[in-house]
Amino acid sequence: MTFRFLHSSDLHLGRPFGGYPEAIRNRLREARHGALARLATAARDGGASTVLLAGDTFDAETPAPETLRQALRAMGEEGDLTWVLLPGNHDSLAATELWRRIHADGPANLRVMTDPTPQEIAPGHWLLPAPCTQRSPGRDLTETMSAPTPEGARRIGLGHGAILDFSGEEGAAGIIPPDRAARSGLDYLALGDWHGQMSVGPETWYSGTPEPDGFKHDTSAAALIVAPGQSVTRVETGQFRWCSPQLDLLPGDDPAARLTAALPQARARDHLIRLAVTGRLALSDRAALEAAIANVAPDYGWFSADLARLDVEALPEDLDQIDRAGALRQAAETLLQETRNPALAQADRDLATAALARLYSFAQEVQA
């Protein structure tokens, strides 16, 4: 019978999601905990009896006691599966108290890879783990994957770290060699650290996080069902989607219809939206767009709209819709002049554009 396992990583249990409103923060944290049950279901559906977690199961070296306890309990409740836990850079071996508690309180179906010694995880299948020793080890920990195993064994590497530069810092370099699988004779190298799913080669994969946690990867989250030396199959596991739709508008467009077409319609509550709008619109259409955004935003788990790069074509007759005389008319004319003043910084012109559009919308609401 073919041995299969599920490869996942970067659950970051206990992540605080600071900067977001409390309601969505709570839902995002709960979705991360729920990923454990979804991984278990995906493993069973894929014919796997083992789940490999390639580091950063916890977001910090000192997770809240209830975060750790509930995670261990959730794994223990999936008693027909074996869970294999590897220290990552967020929950490295430097967190001695964390790993002491995991060893002491972990369920019987949990195997903790705090030692790089090869271990048999199924008949004829040997795991070669490379636990992270600290947040930034500064060396290739996967060298230990060249350790010998019995002749004819399937060799599975389990590591956490960068093959490519994930930091974005100039001059930074990856630590794990791209050809580690070939160098160490691995049938499969299961990696964590990169939150998007990525194949480095036929035998080397980043599984990505099973529950998305930011806008960097505008795809659904997933894990991998692996039959070493035979097949790698993607299985979706995420609850939330983080989407960054782009909307480029021109005069004559129907802004409300274009907005609807750009946004996901199914399971809106489980989407976080970061909308960016570019192009140019008449003042009335800009107001219609803002009204449409205000109407749909509450449908989504979280919604942000950036209209800073949307130019407004405002004509003097458009100002009549605000007021024909008086203080409001004077304010509108001043703002219109500022939107076209090349002596002003772009940020100031953008602010004047937004203010003029808001004034127009306010006037329409009052007149209605």
Protein backbone atom coordinates (compact mmCIF):
# COMPACT_ATOMS: atom_id res chain seq x y z
CA MET A 1 0.00 0.00 0.00
CA THR A 2 1.36 3.43 -0.97
CA PHE A 3 2.37 5.62 1.96
CA ARG A 4 1.00 9.15 1.76
CA PHE A 5 1.35 12.11 4.08
CA LEU A 6 -0.05 15.61 4.22
CA HIS A 7 2.51 18.43 4.09
CA SER A 8 1.63 21.78 5.68
CA SER A 9 3.38 24.58 7.57
CA ASP A 10 3.11 28.11 8.94
CA LEU A 11 -0.13 27.84 10.89
CA HIS A 12 1.06 30.71 13.14
CA LEU A 13 -1.44 29.83 15.84
CA GLY A 14 -2.00 32.78 18.16
CA ARG A 15 -1.22 35.45 15.56
CA PRO A 16 -2.73 38.70 16.91
CA PHE A 17 -3.65 40.43 13.60
CA GLY A 18 -3.04 43.85 15.13
CA GLY A 19 -4.31 46.78 13.11
CA TYR A 20 -7.60 45.12 12.17
CA PRO A 21 -10.93 45.66 13.94
CA GLU A 22 -11.58 43.38 16.89
CA ALA A 23 -14.42 41.45 15.25
CA ILE A 24 -12.37 40.31 12.26
CA ARG A 25 -9.28 39.72 14.43
CA ASN A 26 -11.24 37.22 16.49
CA ARG A 27 -12.55 35.46 13.39
CA LEU A 28 -9.07 35.26 11.83
CA ARG A 29 -7.57 33.78 14.98
CA GLU A 30 -10.36 31.22 15.21
CA ALA A 31 -9.90 30.27 11.54
CA ARG A 32 -6.23 29.52 12.20
CA HIS A 33 -7.16 27.17 15.02
CA GLY A 34 -9.83 25.57 12.82
CA ALA A 35 -7.17 24.85 10.20
CA LEU A 36 -6.04 21.88 12.30
CA ALA A 37 -9.38 20.12 11.83
CA ARG A 38 -9.42 21.02 8.12
CA LEU A 39 -5.93 19.57 7.70
CA ALA A 40 -7.09 16.37 9.37
CA THR A 41 -10.04 16.10 7.00
CA ALA A 42 -7.81 16.79 3.99
CA ALA A 43 -5.37 14.10 5.12
CA ARG A 44 -8.07 11.46 5.46
CA ASP A 45 -9.68 12.41 2.16
CA GLY A 46 -6.28 12.09 0.49
CA GLY A 47 -5.50 8.70 1.98
CA ALA A 48 -2.82 10.06 4.34
CA SER A 49 -2.36 8.97 7.93
CA THR A 50 0.49 11.38 8.79
CA VAL A 51 0.54 15.20 8.88
CA LEU A 52 3.93 16.93 8.58
CA LEU A 53 3.98 20.50 9.93
CA ALA A 54 7.14 22.13 8.61
CA GLY A 55 7.64 24.82 11.22
CA ASP A 56 5.95 27.94 12.61
CA THR A 57 3.00 26.06 14.02
CA PHE A 58 2.95 28.84 16.62
CA ASP A 59 3.33 32.52 15.88
CA ALA A 60 5.57 33.23 18.84
CA GLU A 61 8.00 31.46 21.12
CA THR A 62 5.67 32.13 24.04
CA PRO A 63 2.13 31.45 22.83
CA ALA A 64 -0.68 32.03 25.29
CA PRO A 65 -1.23 28.93 27.47
CA GLU A 66 -4.72 28.43 26.05
CA THR A 67 -3.40 28.66 22.45
CA LEU A 68 -0.90 25.88 23.09
CA ARG A 69 -3.27 23.73 25.12
CA GLN A 70 -6.09 23.97 22.59
CA ALA A 71 -3.75 23.19 19.68
CA LEU A 72 -2.40 20.05 21.37
CA ARG A 73 -5.92 19.00 22.29
CA ALA A 74 -7.12 19.50 18.69
CA MET A 75 -4.33 17.25 17.39
CA GLY A 76 -5.05 14.67 20.05
CA GLU A 77 -8.71 14.54 19.06
CA GLU A 78 -7.65 13.46 15.56
CA GLY A 79 -6.32 10.26 17.08
CA ASP A 80 -6.23 8.23 13.86
CA LEU A 81 -3.57 10.57 12.47
CA THR A 82 0.07 11.05 13.41
CA TRP A 83 1.10 14.70 13.71
CA VAL A 84 4.77 15.56 13.18
CA LEU A 85 5.84 18.94 14.54
CA LEU A 86 9.04 20.75 13.48
CA PRO A 87 10.38 23.92 15.16
CA GLY A 88 10.41 26.86 12.74
CA ASN A 89 11.92 30.32 13.04
CA HIS A 90 8.93 31.73 14.97
CA ASP A 91 8.85 28.76 17.36
CA SER A 92 12.51 27.74 17.28
CA LEU A 93 14.41 25.52 19.69
CA ALA A 94 15.47 28.68 21.51
CA ALA A 95 11.95 28.58 23.01
CA THR A 96 13.01 25.90 25.46
CA GLU A 97 9.96 26.29 27.69
CA LEU A 98 7.57 25.94 24.74
CA TRP A 99 9.12 22.67 23.59
CA ARG A 100 9.37 21.38 27.16
CA ARG A 101 5.62 21.91 27.51
CA ILE A 102 4.91 20.30 24.13
CA HIS A 103 6.97 17.23 25.07
CA ALA A 104 5.25 17.03 28.46
CA ASP A 105 1.66 17.75 27.44
CA GLY A 106 1.51 16.58 23.81
CA PRO A 107 -0.91 13.79 22.89
CA ALA A 108 0.24 10.26 22.10
CA ASN A 109 -0.24 10.78 18.35
CA LEU A 110 2.19 13.74 18.24
CA ARG A 111 5.83 13.32 17.24
CA VAL A 112 8.10 16.28 17.95
CA MET A 113 11.19 16.77 15.78
CA THR A 114 13.50 18.70 18.10
CA ASP A 115 16.47 16.50 17.14
CA PRO A 116 17.91 16.20 13.62
CA THR A 117 18.37 12.45 13.96
CA PRO A 118 16.61 10.45 11.16
CA GLN A 119 13.41 8.77 12.30
CA GLU A 120 11.25 6.12 10.66
CA ILE A 121 7.69 7.45 10.28
CA ALA A 122 6.29 4.52 8.30
CA PRO A 123 7.72 1.16 7.19
CA GLY A 124 10.55 1.95 4.80
CA HIS A 125 10.04 5.73 5.05
CA TRP A 126 12.54 7.80 7.01
CA LEU A 127 12.16 11.43 8.03
CA LEU A 128 15.27 13.63 8.08
CA PRO A 129 14.28 16.72 10.11
CA ALA A 130 16.15 20.03 10.34
CA PRO A 131 14.64 21.89 13.32
CA CYS A 132 15.35 25.63 13.51
CA THR A 133 17.78 26.30 16.33
CA GLN A 134 16.94 29.99 16.61
CA ARG A 135 15.06 32.79 14.82
CA SER A 136 17.92 33.40 12.34
CA PRO A 137 20.27 30.41 12.34
CA GLY A 138 22.54 31.98 9.72
CA ARG A 139 23.57 28.61 8.28
CA ASP A 140 22.15 25.73 6.30
CA LEU A 141 20.50 23.45 8.84
CA THR A 142 19.45 21.01 6.12
CA GLU A 143 23.00 19.65 5.80
CA THR A 144 21.95 17.04 8.37
CA MET A 145 19.58 15.58 5.76
CA SER A 146 22.55 13.79 4.21
CA ALA A 147 22.62 11.43 7.21
CA PRO A 148 22.45 7.73 6.26
CA THR A 149 19.24 5.69 6.36
CA PRO A 150 18.67 1.98 5.68
CA GLU A 151 19.33 0.90 2.11
CA GLY A 152 16.28 1.25 -0.10
CA ALA A 153 14.42 3.56 2.30
CA ARG A 154 12.35 6.47 1.10
CA ARG A 155 14.03 9.63 2.40
CA ILE A 156 11.82 12.61 3.35
CA GLY A 157 13.39 15.91 4.39
CA LEU A 158 11.50 18.26 6.72
CA GLY A 159 12.85 21.80 7.01
CA HIS A 160 12.01 25.43 7.49
CA GLY A 161 13.74 28.38 5.87
CA ALA A 162 14.51 30.20 2.66
CA ILE A 163 15.73 28.73 -0.61
CA LEU A 164 14.86 32.04 -2.26
CA ASP A 165 15.08 35.42 -0.57
CA PHE A 166 11.69 35.97 1.04
CA SER A 167 12.73 39.06 3.01
CA GLY A 168 12.80 41.55 0.16
CA GLU A 169 16.01 43.05 1.57
CA GLU A 170 18.68 43.95 -0.95
CA GLY A 171 21.69 41.67 -0.62
CA ALA A 172 19.82 39.00 1.33
CA ALA A 173 20.33 35.44 0.15
CA GLY A 174 18.68 32.10 0.64
CA ILE A 175 20.25 29.62 3.02
CA ILE A 176 18.87 26.23 1.87
CA PRO A 177 20.44 25.21 -1.47
CA PRO A 178 17.83 24.72 -4.23
CA ASP A 179 19.29 21.31 -4.98
CA ARG A 180 19.18 20.04 -1.39
CA ALA A 181 16.93 17.13 -2.39
CA ALA A 182 19.47 15.93 -4.97
CA ARG A 183 22.46 16.57 -2.68
CA SER A 184 20.98 14.54 0.15
CA GLY A 185 19.26 11.86 -1.91
CA LEU A 186 15.77 12.88 -0.82
CA ASP A 187 12.61 11.52 -2.39
CA TYR A 188 10.79 14.61 -1.11
CA LEU A 189 11.76 17.80 0.73
CA ALA A 190 8.89 19.33 2.73
CA LEU A 191 9.57 22.98 3.50
CA GLY A 192 7.95 25.76 5.47
CA ASP A 193 8.55 29.52 5.73
CA TRP A 194 7.01 30.81 2.48
CA HIS A 195 3.28 31.36 3.02
CA GLY A 196 2.33 30.77 -0.60
CA GLN A 197 2.45 27.31 -2.11
CA MET A 198 5.46 26.88 -4.38
CA SER A 199 7.34 24.10 -6.14
CA VAL A 200 11.11 24.55 -6.19
CA GLY A 201 11.45 21.31 -8.13
CA PRO A 202 9.59 18.01 -8.54
CA GLU A 203 10.80 16.78 -5.13
CA THR A 204 10.95 20.12 -3.26
CA TRP A 205 7.85 22.04 -2.19
CA TYR A 206 6.75 24.83 0.08
CA SER A 207 3.27 23.86 1.20
CA GLY A 208 2.26 27.40 2.13
CA THR A 209 0.06 28.24 5.08
CA PRO A 210 -3.24 26.32 5.31
CA GLU A 211 -5.05 29.52 6.33
CA PRO A 212 -4.07 32.79 4.61
CA ASP A 213 -2.90 35.68 6.76
CA GLY A 214 -2.24 38.59 4.41
CA PHE A 215 -2.59 40.10 0.95
CA LYS A 216 0.81 38.94 -0.33
CA HIS A 217 -0.58 35.71 -1.79
CA ASP A 218 -3.83 36.40 -3.64
CA THR A 219 -4.73 32.71 -3.94
CA SER A 220 -6.67 30.21 -1.89
CA ALA A 221 -4.67 28.47 0.83
CA ALA A 222 -3.92 24.77 0.52
CA ALA A 223 -1.84 21.84 1.71
CA LEU A 224 -0.18 18.99 -0.19
CA ILE A 225 -0.93 15.27 -0.26
CA VAL A 226 2.37 13.55 -1.04
CA ALA A 227 3.17 10.03 -2.15
CA PRO A 228 6.99 10.23 -2.05
CA GLY A 229 8.57 9.61 -5.42
CA GLN A 230 5.16 9.36 -7.08
CA SER A 231 2.80 12.32 -6.78
CA VAL A 232 2.12 15.68 -5.13
CA THR A 233 -1.52 16.84 -5.00
CA ARG A 234 -2.84 20.23 -3.92
CA VAL A 235 -5.81 20.25 -1.52
CA GLU A 236 -7.54 23.50 -0.50
CA THR A 237 -7.81 24.14 3.24
CA GLY A 238 -8.42 27.87 3.78
CA GLN A 239 -11.51 29.55 5.16
CA PHE A 240 -10.66 33.16 4.35
CA ARG A 241 -9.49 34.80 1.13
CA TRP A 242 -7.45 38.01 1.11
CA CYS A 243 -8.10 39.74 -2.24
CA SER A 244 -6.61 42.85 -3.82
CA PRO A 245 -8.83 43.67 -6.81
CA GLN A 246 -7.69 46.44 -9.17
CA LEU A 247 -10.30 48.65 -10.82
CA ASP A 248 -9.32 50.99 -13.67
CA LEU A 249 -12.16 53.32 -14.64
CA LEU A 250 -12.77 55.79 -17.46
CA PRO A 251 -15.58 58.27 -18.19
CA GLY A 252 -18.59 56.42 -19.52
CA ASP A 253 -18.03 53.38 -17.31
CA ASP A 254 -20.75 52.30 -14.93
CA PRO A 255 -18.76 52.42 -11.67
CA ALA A 256 -21.27 50.38 -9.64
CA ALA A 257 -21.42 47.61 -12.24
CA ARG A 258 -17.64 47.55 -12.62
CA LEU A 259 -17.26 47.35 -8.85
CA THR A 260 -19.66 44.40 -8.63
CA ALA A 261 -17.78 42.58 -11.38
CA ALA A 262 -14.44 43.09 -9.61
CA LEU A 263 -15.54 41.75 -6.22
CA PRO A 264 -16.12 38.14 -5.16
CA GLN A 265 -19.82 37.50 -4.64
CA ALA A 266 -19.90 34.09 -2.93
CA ARG A 267 -19.06 33.87 0.80
CA ALA A 268 -18.42 37.61 0.97
CA ARG A 269 -18.16 37.44 4.76
CA ASP A 270 -15.06 35.25 4.44
CA HIS A 271 -13.21 37.73 2.21
CA LEU A 272 -10.89 40.55 3.19
CA ILE A 273 -10.80 43.13 0.40
CA ARG A 274 -8.14 45.73 -0.38
CA LEU A 275 -9.51 47.57 -3.42
CA ALA A 276 -7.33 49.92 -5.48
CA VAL A 277 -9.02 52.21 -8.00
CA THR A 278 -7.22 54.05 -10.78
CA GLY A 279 -8.22 56.02 -13.90
CA ARG A 280 -10.53 59.00 -14.05
CA LEU A 281 -14.24 59.66 -13.64
CA ALA A 282 -16.69 62.51 -13.78
CA LEU A 283 -17.46 63.99 -10.38
CA SER A 284 -20.93 62.45 -10.36
CA ASP A 285 -19.55 59.01 -11.22
CA ARG A 286 -16.92 59.29 -8.51
CA ALA A 287 -19.71 59.98 -6.04
CA ALA A 288 -21.67 57.01 -7.39
CA LEU A 289 -18.62 54.79 -6.91
CA GLU A 290 -18.16 55.91 -3.32
CA ALA A 291 -21.84 55.25 -2.64
CA ALA A 292 -21.55 51.77 -4.17
CA ILE A 293 -18.48 51.00 -2.06
CA ALA A 294 -20.25 52.15 1.10
CA ASN A 295 -23.19 49.93 0.20
CA VAL A 296 -21.22 46.68 -0.34
CA ALA A 297 -18.41 47.05 2.20
CA PRO A 298 -20.42 45.71 5.17
CA ASP A 299 -20.98 42.44 3.30
CA TYR A 300 -17.29 41.54 3.62
CA GLY A 301 -15.19 40.45 6.56
CA TRP A 302 -13.01 43.54 6.07
CA PHE A 303 -12.98 46.13 3.30
CA SER A 304 -10.58 48.89 2.38
CA ALA A 305 -10.73 51.10 -0.73
CA ASP A 306 -7.89 53.29 -2.02
CA LEU A 307 -9.13 55.96 -4.44
CA ALA A 308 -6.04 58.17 -4.23
CA ARG A 309 -5.04 57.44 -7.84
CA LEU A 310 -8.52 58.03 -9.27
CA ASP A 311 -8.60 61.39 -11.04
CA VAL A 312 -11.78 63.43 -11.22
CA GLU A 313 -13.00 65.32 -14.26
CA ALA A 314 -14.85 68.16 -12.57
CA LEU A 315 -16.44 70.84 -14.75
CA PRO A 316 -17.70 74.21 -13.52
CA GLU A 317 -21.28 73.11 -14.26
CA ASP A 318 -20.75 70.13 -11.97
CA LEU A 319 -20.31 72.57 -9.14
CA ASP A 320 -23.89 73.73 -9.68
CA GLN A 321 -24.91 70.36 -8.28
CA ILE A 322 -23.21 71.36 -5.04
CA ASP A 323 -24.50 74.93 -4.84
CA ARG A 324 -24.91 77.88 -7.19
CA ALA A 325 -23.64 80.46 -4.72
CA GLY A 326 -22.57 80.95 -1.16
CA ALA A 327 -19.98 79.27 1.05
CA LEU A 328 -20.40 75.76 -0.37
CA ARG A 329 -19.94 77.02 -3.92
CA GLN A 330 -16.85 78.96 -2.90
CA ALA A 331 -15.39 75.90 -1.15
CA ALA A 332 -16.09 73.75 -4.21
CA GLU A 333 -14.40 76.23 -6.54
CA THR A 334 -11.36 76.43 -4.27
CA LEU A 335 -11.06 72.63 -4.17
CA LEU A 336 -11.44 72.39 -7.96
CA GLN A 337 -8.61 74.89 -8.42
CA GLU A 338 -6.40 72.91 -6.04
CA THR A 339 -6.99 69.66 -7.96
CA ARG A 340 -5.48 71.34 -11.03
CA ASN A 341 -2.73 73.38 -9.40
CA PRO A 342 0.68 72.06 -10.60
CA ALA A 343 2.40 74.01 -7.83
CA LEU A 344 0.85 71.71 -5.23
CA ALA A 345 2.28 68.33 -4.33
CA GLN A 346 0.45 65.35 -5.78
CA ALA A 347 -0.66 64.28 -2.32
CA ASP A 348 -2.28 67.68 -1.78
CA ARG A 349 -4.03 67.53 -5.16
CA ASP A 350 -5.28 64.04 -4.34
CA LEU A 351 -6.60 65.30 -1.01
CA ALA A 352 -8.43 68.14 -2.75
CA THR A 353 -9.93 65.66 -5.24
CA ALA A 354 -11.19 63.43 -2.44
CA ALA A 355 -12.58 66.43 -0.55
CA LEU A 356 -14.38 67.73 -3.64
CA ALA A 357 -15.93 64.32 -4.27
CA ARG A 358 -17.02 64.09 -0.65
CA LEU A 359 -18.54 67.56 -0.82
CA TYR A 360 -20.42 66.59 -3.96
CA SER A 361 -21.74 63.42 -2.32
CA PHE A 362 -22.79 65.34 0.78
CA ALA A 363 -24.67 67.88 -1.34
CA GLN A 364 -26.50 65.10 -3.19
CA GLU A 365 -27.53 63.46 0.07
CA VAL A 366 -28.87 66.75 1.42
CA GLN A 367 -30.78 67.47 -1.78
CA ALA A 368 -32.26 63.98 -1.79
